[in-house]
């Protein structure tokens, strides 16, 4: 089994607004505690991309990036800086041969190319698109839920909260397992502060519950996480409550 991260672009997040820290007066200032995570403008650097999973006789794409767009800073929400997408098309030859596309959720930065009909990706709009039950998504996308098997060895975990139908994926393989967590995690700081959710969470209580569930699962030896918003460290293992980056599996 192989997992490969395919970058599409990036976005800057205003950390205090993104994590609603103005409502938490005791929250640390990331500019002081984790300046390594911020750019020159004080924004949390978040990557945008997709994950290619390849098994013995199947290939699955998880998420669909932002798409060929450039959104100016603060154009959509006060917590979001500039969003840049489009890089995924460089992998069109690889992505175009998948058996299915699984969307962790239907936000633009995870479903963008799919929502636009996959321009530049011949035939990809015709493969099955899977999305969590309860997610707002186009007609024709297949619904999946807790425990459903997408392909052999790839099972759905229901992790609602960020959106009503948000899902993660558990991938079992000979050396252990991989958890693809979607927007359960936006930053490594949430390992120390699982109570910090996104200002876009539709159900903050469920979001925290899902995050703690995933963090508990990641503490099991032999488990690798994939969190595609974690800038240049989307693959990692969690040891003693800390993220330790690893390379592609």
Protein backbone atom coordinates (compact mmCIF):
# COMPACT_ATOMS: atom_id res chain seq x y z
CA UNK A 1 0.00 0.00 0.00
CA UNK A 2 1.28 3.45 -0.85
CA UNK A 3 0.05 6.91 0.14
CA UNK A 4 1.25 10.00 -1.73
CA UNK A 5 0.43 13.62 -0.95
CA UNK A 6 -0.40 15.70 -4.04
CA UNK A 7 -0.22 19.46 -3.36
CA UNK A 8 -2.75 21.81 -4.90
CA UNK A 9 -2.01 25.11 -3.15
CA UNK A 10 -2.02 26.92 0.17
CA UNK A 11 -3.95 29.30 2.41
CA UNK A 12 -3.06 31.61 5.27
CA UNK A 13 -5.20 31.52 8.41
CA UNK A 14 -5.48 34.25 11.03
CA UNK A 15 -4.79 32.04 14.08
CA UNK A 16 -6.79 33.89 16.73
CA UNK A 17 -9.79 34.26 14.43
CA UNK A 18 -9.52 30.75 12.98
CA UNK A 19 -9.46 29.07 16.39
CA UNK A 20 -11.83 31.66 17.94
CA UNK A 21 -9.18 32.43 20.55
CA UNK A 22 -10.62 35.82 21.40
CA UNK A 23 -13.24 33.79 23.26
CA UNK A 24 -10.43 32.08 25.21
CA UNK A 25 -8.58 34.82 27.14
CA UNK A 26 -6.06 32.33 28.56
CA UNK A 27 -5.07 30.98 25.12
CA UNK A 28 -1.37 31.38 24.28
CA UNK A 29 -0.21 33.75 21.57
CA UNK A 30 1.12 31.57 18.73
CA UNK A 31 3.38 34.40 17.60
CA UNK A 32 5.28 33.83 20.85
CA UNK A 33 4.83 30.10 21.42
CA UNK A 34 4.92 28.71 17.85
CA UNK A 35 6.38 31.36 15.49
CA UNK A 36 7.68 28.49 13.31
CA UNK A 37 4.10 27.84 12.17
CA UNK A 38 3.45 31.43 11.03
CA UNK A 39 4.48 33.38 7.96
CA UNK A 40 5.86 36.93 7.86
CA UNK A 41 2.33 38.32 8.16
CA UNK A 42 1.58 36.29 11.26
CA UNK A 43 -0.70 33.87 9.42
CA UNK A 44 -0.84 30.15 10.12
CA UNK A 45 0.49 28.45 7.00
CA UNK A 46 -1.86 25.70 5.78
CA UNK A 47 -1.39 23.51 2.74
CA UNK A 48 -4.18 22.42 0.41
CA UNK A 49 -4.02 19.15 -1.47
CA UNK A 50 -5.20 15.60 -2.06
CA UNK A 51 -4.00 12.14 -1.11
CA UNK A 52 -3.48 9.28 -3.53
CA UNK A 53 -3.93 5.83 -1.99
CA UNK A 54 -2.72 2.84 -4.02
CA UNK A 55 -3.41 -0.78 -3.12
CA UNK A 56 -2.66 -4.04 -4.92
CA UNK A 57 -5.51 -3.61 -7.41
CA UNK A 58 -7.13 -0.25 -6.63
CA UNK A 59 -6.36 3.46 -6.55
CA UNK A 60 -8.37 6.00 -4.54
CA UNK A 61 -8.07 9.79 -4.45
CA UNK A 62 -8.95 11.40 -1.12
CA UNK A 63 -10.14 15.00 -1.49
CA UNK A 64 -9.93 17.26 -4.52
CA UNK A 65 -8.03 20.39 -3.54
CA UNK A 66 -9.21 23.95 -4.13
CA UNK A 67 -9.18 24.01 -7.91
CA UNK A 68 -7.74 26.52 -10.41
CA UNK A 69 -8.54 29.64 -8.43
CA UNK A 70 -6.80 32.42 -6.50
CA UNK A 71 -8.95 33.99 -3.79
CA UNK A 72 -7.66 37.31 -2.33
CA UNK A 73 -7.12 37.69 1.38
CA UNK A 74 -10.26 38.28 3.46
CA UNK A 75 -12.46 37.88 0.38
CA UNK A 76 -14.53 35.07 1.89
CA UNK A 77 -14.06 35.35 5.66
CA UNK A 78 -12.09 37.49 8.09
CA UNK A 79 -10.17 34.44 9.34
CA UNK A 80 -8.84 33.48 5.91
CA UNK A 81 -5.92 35.02 4.05
CA UNK A 82 -5.24 34.48 0.36
CA UNK A 83 -6.11 31.02 -1.01
CA UNK A 84 -4.20 29.68 -4.00
CA UNK A 85 -5.00 26.45 -5.84
CA UNK A 86 -4.40 24.76 -9.16
CA UNK A 87 -1.30 22.65 -8.58
CA UNK A 88 -3.14 19.33 -8.60
CA UNK A 89 -3.50 19.48 -12.39
CA UNK A 90 0.22 18.77 -12.63
CA UNK A 91 -0.66 15.25 -11.48
CA UNK A 92 -3.56 14.80 -13.91
CA UNK A 93 -1.98 11.77 -15.55
CA UNK A 94 -1.79 9.94 -12.23
CA UNK A 95 -5.05 11.16 -10.71
CA UNK A 96 -7.06 10.38 -13.83
CA UNK A 97 -6.66 6.65 -13.36
CA UNK A 98 -8.29 6.31 -9.92
CA UNK A 99 -11.21 4.01 -9.18
CA UNK A 100 -12.98 6.40 -6.79
CA UNK A 101 -12.77 9.84 -5.19
CA UNK A 102 -13.54 10.12 -1.48
CA UNK A 103 -14.27 13.59 -0.11
CA UNK A 104 -13.67 14.05 3.62
CA UNK A 105 -16.17 16.90 3.30
CA UNK A 106 -17.50 19.27 0.66
CA UNK A 107 -15.77 22.55 1.55
CA UNK A 108 -14.18 24.29 -1.43
CA UNK A 109 -10.60 23.60 -0.34
CA UNK A 110 -11.29 19.84 -0.24
CA UNK A 111 -13.75 19.41 -3.10
CA UNK A 112 -12.87 22.31 -5.40
CA UNK A 113 -11.77 20.45 -8.51
CA UNK A 114 -14.69 18.02 -8.21
CA UNK A 115 -17.23 20.82 -7.73
CA UNK A 116 -15.91 22.41 -10.92
CA UNK A 117 -16.23 19.20 -12.93
CA UNK A 118 -12.52 18.33 -12.97
CA UNK A 119 -11.37 20.60 -15.85
CA UNK A 120 -8.14 19.21 -17.28
CA UNK A 121 -8.68 15.74 -15.78
CA UNK A 122 -10.07 13.56 -18.57
CA UNK A 123 -12.82 11.23 -17.38
CA UNK A 124 -12.35 11.82 -13.67
CA UNK A 125 -15.80 13.33 -13.25
CA UNK A 126 -17.24 9.95 -14.26
CA UNK A 127 -15.71 7.86 -11.46
CA UNK A 128 -17.68 7.30 -8.22
CA UNK A 129 -17.51 10.22 -5.79
CA UNK A 130 -18.11 9.28 -2.14
CA UNK A 131 -19.08 11.68 0.64
CA UNK A 132 -20.30 11.28 4.21
CA UNK A 133 -23.94 10.86 5.07
CA UNK A 134 -25.34 14.21 6.11
CA UNK A 135 -22.91 16.21 3.99
CA UNK A 136 -24.26 18.85 1.64
CA UNK A 137 -23.05 17.69 -1.75
CA UNK A 138 -24.13 17.49 -5.41
CA UNK A 139 -26.66 14.89 -6.48
CA UNK A 140 -25.07 11.69 -7.74
CA UNK A 141 -22.34 11.52 -5.12
CA UNK A 142 -22.58 8.29 -3.15
CA UNK A 143 -23.12 8.48 0.60
CA UNK A 144 -20.95 6.52 3.05
CA UNK A 145 -20.94 6.19 6.82
CA UNK A 146 -19.19 4.68 9.81
CA UNK A 147 -17.61 1.31 9.04
CA UNK A 148 -18.28 1.33 5.28
CA UNK A 149 -15.46 -0.18 3.23
CA UNK A 150 -14.49 1.97 0.25
CA UNK A 151 -12.07 -0.59 -1.19
CA UNK A 152 -10.44 -3.55 0.58
CA UNK A 153 -8.57 -2.23 3.60
CA UNK A 154 -9.99 1.32 3.48
CA UNK A 155 -12.77 1.94 6.02
CA UNK A 156 -14.83 5.06 6.76
CA UNK A 157 -14.76 6.70 10.19
CA UNK A 158 -17.55 9.19 10.88
CA UNK A 159 -15.90 12.29 12.36
CA UNK A 160 -18.62 14.96 12.29
CA UNK A 161 -18.38 18.43 13.72
CA UNK A 162 -16.41 20.48 11.22
CA UNK A 163 -19.28 19.64 8.88
CA UNK A 164 -22.29 17.47 9.55
CA UNK A 165 -21.02 14.66 7.32
CA UNK A 166 -17.25 14.94 7.75
CA UNK A 167 -15.47 11.59 7.46
CA UNK A 168 -11.97 10.28 8.02
CA UNK A 169 -10.46 7.11 6.60
CA UNK A 170 -8.69 4.19 8.26
CA UNK A 171 -6.32 2.34 5.94
CA UNK A 172 -4.93 -0.98 7.15
CA UNK A 173 -1.81 -2.46 5.60
CA UNK A 174 0.87 -5.01 6.38
CA UNK A 175 2.99 -2.61 8.46
CA UNK A 176 0.15 -1.01 10.43
CA UNK A 177 -2.48 1.55 9.57
CA UNK A 178 -2.95 5.06 8.22
CA UNK A 179 -5.59 7.53 9.41
CA UNK A 180 -6.57 10.23 6.93
CA UNK A 181 -8.09 12.90 9.18
CA UNK A 182 -9.29 15.69 6.87
CA UNK A 183 -10.25 18.79 8.84
CA UNK A 184 -10.28 17.07 12.21
CA UNK A 185 -6.84 18.72 12.43
CA UNK A 186 -5.79 22.04 10.91
CA UNK A 187 -2.57 22.49 12.88
CA UNK A 188 -0.20 20.61 15.15
CA UNK A 189 -1.15 23.01 17.95
CA UNK A 190 -4.43 21.12 18.26
CA UNK A 191 -2.55 18.13 19.64
CA UNK A 192 -1.86 20.23 22.74
CA UNK A 193 -5.22 21.97 22.53
CA UNK A 194 -7.85 19.54 21.18
CA UNK A 195 -10.47 21.93 22.52
CA UNK A 196 -9.47 24.41 19.81
CA UNK A 197 -11.78 23.99 16.85
CA UNK A 198 -12.23 25.96 13.66
CA UNK A 199 -14.51 28.96 13.49
CA UNK A 200 -16.19 27.07 10.63
CA UNK A 201 -17.16 24.07 12.76
CA UNK A 202 -20.93 23.56 12.48
CA UNK A 203 -20.94 21.66 15.79
CA UNK A 204 -17.98 22.58 18.03
CA UNK A 205 -18.82 19.93 20.62
CA UNK A 206 -18.94 17.15 18.02
CA UNK A 207 -15.79 18.54 16.41
CA UNK A 208 -13.84 18.29 19.66
CA UNK A 209 -15.24 14.81 20.28
CA UNK A 210 -14.09 13.68 16.82
CA UNK A 211 -10.67 15.25 17.33
CA UNK A 212 -10.17 13.47 20.64
CA UNK A 213 -11.32 10.20 19.07
CA UNK A 214 -8.77 10.58 16.29
CA UNK A 215 -5.96 11.61 18.66
CA UNK A 216 -6.66 8.54 20.78
CA UNK A 217 -6.44 6.38 17.66
CA UNK A 218 -3.20 8.05 16.63
CA UNK A 219 -1.61 7.13 19.96
CA UNK A 220 -1.76 3.44 19.00
CA UNK A 221 1.71 2.24 17.87
CA UNK A 222 2.00 1.57 14.15
CA UNK A 223 -0.45 4.35 13.23
CA UNK A 224 0.50 7.06 10.75
CA UNK A 225 -1.64 10.16 10.29
CA UNK A 226 -2.27 12.17 7.14
CA UNK A 227 -3.44 15.74 7.76
CA UNK A 228 -3.26 17.63 4.49
CA UNK A 229 -3.44 21.12 6.03
CA UNK A 230 -0.22 20.63 7.97
CA UNK A 231 1.98 22.59 5.53
CA UNK A 232 5.10 20.59 4.69
CA UNK A 233 4.47 17.83 7.26
CA UNK A 234 1.19 16.15 6.19
CA UNK A 235 2.45 12.69 7.23
CA UNK A 236 3.24 12.12 10.87
CA UNK A 237 3.03 9.96 13.96
CA UNK A 238 1.93 11.16 17.37
CA UNK A 239 4.29 10.37 20.25
CA UNK A 240 3.90 11.82 23.73
CA UNK A 241 1.31 14.25 22.40
CA UNK A 242 3.63 15.64 19.72
CA UNK A 243 3.61 15.42 15.92
CA UNK A 244 6.66 13.73 14.46
CA UNK A 245 6.82 14.12 10.67
CA UNK A 246 7.48 11.11 8.46
CA UNK A 247 7.84 10.71 4.70
CA UNK A 248 5.36 9.24 2.21
CA UNK A 249 4.44 5.62 3.04
